[in-house]
């Protein structure tokens, strides 16, 4: 499931911020320290995650994510067990 979420996030990042080289992001480091995303772009990423997976990420939960790996773990845990049904971003 984590690999499917990672692929989906790569597609979402490409849609929202195509200038970001997603493959160079270190999943264990702070995302904000590695990429220049404004709050609107970050919000669009969260909305697209929800649209693609049905996973709702409350604002209170966002503050708890230390890095992209935490986000991947959360979405993997909360999402449907059938990622092939996820629509493309």
C-alpha atoms as a PDB file:
ATOM      1  CA  UNK A   1       0.000   0.000   0.000  1.00  0.00           C
ATOM      2  CA  UNK A   2       2.840   2.420   0.807  1.00  0.00           C
ATOM      3  CA  UNK A   3       4.219   2.111  -2.736  1.00  0.00           C
ATOM      4  CA  UNK A   4       0.810   2.930  -4.224  1.00  0.00           C
ATOM      5  CA  UNK A   5       0.494   5.976  -1.968  1.00  0.00           C
ATOM      6  CA  UNK A   6       4.002   7.074  -2.901  1.00  0.00           C
ATOM      7  CA  UNK A   7       3.191   6.781  -6.632  1.00  0.00           C
ATOM      8  CA  UNK A   8      -0.043   8.720  -6.125  1.00  0.00           C
ATOM      9  CA  UNK A   9       1.807  11.475  -4.231  1.00  0.00           C
ATOM     10  CA  UNK A  10       4.385  11.689  -7.001  1.00  0.00           C
ATOM     11  CA  UNK A  11       1.553  12.229  -9.513  1.00  0.00           C
ATOM     12  CA  UNK A  12      -0.103  14.799  -7.257  1.00  0.00           C
ATOM     13  CA  UNK A  13       3.134  16.733  -6.764  1.00  0.00           C
ATOM     14  CA  UNK A  14       3.692  16.697 -10.518  1.00  0.00           C
ATOM     15  CA  UNK A  15       0.191  18.132 -10.997  1.00  0.00           C
ATOM     16  CA  UNK A  16       0.472  20.827  -8.296  1.00  0.00           C
ATOM     17  CA  UNK A  17       4.141  21.743  -8.559  1.00  0.00           C
ATOM     18  CA  UNK A  18       5.740  20.207 -11.666  1.00  0.00           C
ATOM     19  CA  UNK A  19       9.005  22.048 -11.001  1.00  0.00           C
ATOM     20  CA  UNK A  20       9.635  19.892  -7.904  1.00  0.00           C
ATOM     21  CA  UNK A  21      11.737  16.803  -8.486  1.00  0.00           C
ATOM     22  CA  UNK A  22       9.746  14.428  -6.307  1.00  0.00           C
ATOM     23  CA  UNK A  23      12.285  11.603  -6.565  1.00  0.00           C
ATOM     24  CA  UNK A  24      14.893  13.792  -4.869  1.00  0.00           C
ATOM     25  CA  UNK A  25      12.758  14.443  -1.785  1.00  0.00           C
ATOM     26  CA  UNK A  26      14.094  12.689   1.311  1.00  0.00           C
ATOM     27  CA  UNK A  27      11.029  11.084   2.907  1.00  0.00           C
ATOM     28  CA  UNK A  28      12.535  11.341   6.395  1.00  0.00           C
ATOM     29  CA  UNK A  29      13.377  15.060   6.297  1.00  0.00           C
ATOM     30  CA  UNK A  30      10.948  17.912   6.713  1.00  0.00           C
ATOM     31  CA  UNK A  31       9.091  18.446   3.439  1.00  0.00           C
ATOM     32  CA  UNK A  32       8.921  22.210   3.911  1.00  0.00           C
ATOM     33  CA  UNK A  33      12.702  22.397   4.327  1.00  0.00           C
ATOM     34  CA  UNK A  34      13.207  20.628   0.977  1.00  0.00           C
ATOM     35  CA  UNK A  35      10.636  22.177  -1.338  1.00  0.00           C
ATOM     36  CA  UNK A  36       9.151  25.596  -1.812  1.00  0.00           C
ATOM     37  CA  UNK A  37       5.395  25.077  -1.532  1.00  0.00           C
ATOM     38  CA  UNK A  38       3.114  27.892  -0.585  1.00  0.00           C
ATOM     39  CA  UNK A  39       0.091  27.209   1.598  1.00  0.00           C
ATOM     40  CA  UNK A  40      -2.262  27.098  -1.416  1.00  0.00           C
ATOM     41  CA  UNK A  41      -0.137  24.424  -3.131  1.00  0.00           C
ATOM     42  CA  UNK A  42       0.007  22.420   0.071  1.00  0.00           C
ATOM     43  CA  UNK A  43      -3.769  22.718   0.449  1.00  0.00           C
ATOM     44  CA  UNK A  44      -4.231  21.520  -3.151  1.00  0.00           C
ATOM     45  CA  UNK A  45      -2.070  18.480  -2.372  1.00  0.00           C
ATOM     46  CA  UNK A  46      -4.237  17.627   0.645  1.00  0.00           C
ATOM     47  CA  UNK A  47      -7.429  18.091  -1.409  1.00  0.00           C
ATOM     48  CA  UNK A  48      -6.110  15.849  -4.191  1.00  0.00           C
ATOM     49  CA  UNK A  49      -5.138  13.189  -1.659  1.00  0.00           C
ATOM     50  CA  UNK A  50      -8.709  13.283  -0.377  1.00  0.00           C
ATOM     51  CA  UNK A  51     -10.201  13.184  -3.876  1.00  0.00           C
ATOM     52  CA  UNK A  52      -7.992  10.247  -4.862  1.00  0.00           C
ATOM     53  CA  UNK A  53      -8.267   8.161  -1.715  1.00  0.00           C
ATOM     54  CA  UNK A  54     -11.226   9.413   0.304  1.00  0.00           C
ATOM     55  CA  UNK A  55      -8.847  10.030   3.207  1.00  0.00           C
ATOM     56  CA  UNK A  56      -9.667  13.187   5.112  1.00  0.00           C
ATOM     57  CA  UNK A  57      -6.637  14.807   6.743  1.00  0.00           C
ATOM     58  CA  UNK A  58      -7.766  17.217   9.465  1.00  0.00           C
ATOM     59  CA  UNK A  59      -5.699  20.364  10.094  1.00  0.00           C
ATOM     60  CA  UNK A  60      -4.850  19.081  13.557  1.00  0.00           C
ATOM     61  CA  UNK A  61      -3.317  15.963  12.009  1.00  0.00           C
ATOM     62  CA  UNK A  62      -1.261  17.952   9.487  1.00  0.00           C
ATOM     63  CA  UNK A  63       0.672  19.581  12.313  1.00  0.00           C
ATOM     64  CA  UNK A  64       1.737  16.154  13.557  1.00  0.00           C
ATOM     65  CA  UNK A  65       3.417  15.105  10.307  1.00  0.00           C
ATOM     66  CA  UNK A  66       7.168  15.573  10.647  1.00  0.00           C
ATOM     67  CA  UNK A  67       7.959  14.530   7.097  1.00  0.00           C
ATOM     68  CA  UNK A  68       6.563  13.002   3.929  1.00  0.00           C
ATOM     69  CA  UNK A  69       6.991   9.508   5.331  1.00  0.00           C
ATOM     70  CA  UNK A  70       4.503  10.341   8.121  1.00  0.00           C
ATOM     71  CA  UNK A  71       1.995  11.475   5.492  1.00  0.00           C
ATOM     72  CA  UNK A  72       2.498   8.298   3.462  1.00  0.00           C
ATOM     73  CA  UNK A  73       2.009   6.155   6.557  1.00  0.00           C
ATOM     74  CA  UNK A  74      -1.172   8.030   7.513  1.00  0.00           C
ATOM     75  CA  UNK A  75      -2.731   7.801   4.045  1.00  0.00           C
ATOM     76  CA  UNK A  76      -1.732   4.132   3.740  1.00  0.00           C
ATOM     77  CA  UNK A  77      -3.338   3.337   7.073  1.00  0.00           C
ATOM     78  CA  UNK A  78      -6.565   5.273   6.431  1.00  0.00           C
ATOM     79  CA  UNK A  79      -7.161   4.549   2.740  1.00  0.00           C
ATOM     80  CA  UNK A  80      -9.177   1.926   0.962  1.00  0.00           C
ATOM     81  CA  UNK A  81      -7.427  -1.402   0.517  1.00  0.00           C
ATOM     82  CA  UNK A  82      -7.998  -1.123  -3.260  1.00  0.00           C
ATOM     83  CA  UNK A  83      -5.729   1.676  -4.588  1.00  0.00           C
ATOM     84  CA  UNK A  84      -6.310   0.549  -8.169  1.00  0.00           C
ATOM     85  CA  UNK A  85      -9.731   2.185  -7.790  1.00  0.00           C
ATOM     86  CA  UNK A  86      -8.153   5.565  -7.059  1.00  0.00           C
ATOM     87  CA  UNK A  87      -8.690   8.036  -9.875  1.00  0.00           C
ATOM     88  CA  UNK A  88      -5.717   9.794 -11.398  1.00  0.00           C
ATOM     89  CA  UNK A  89      -5.042  13.308 -10.010  1.00  0.00           C
END
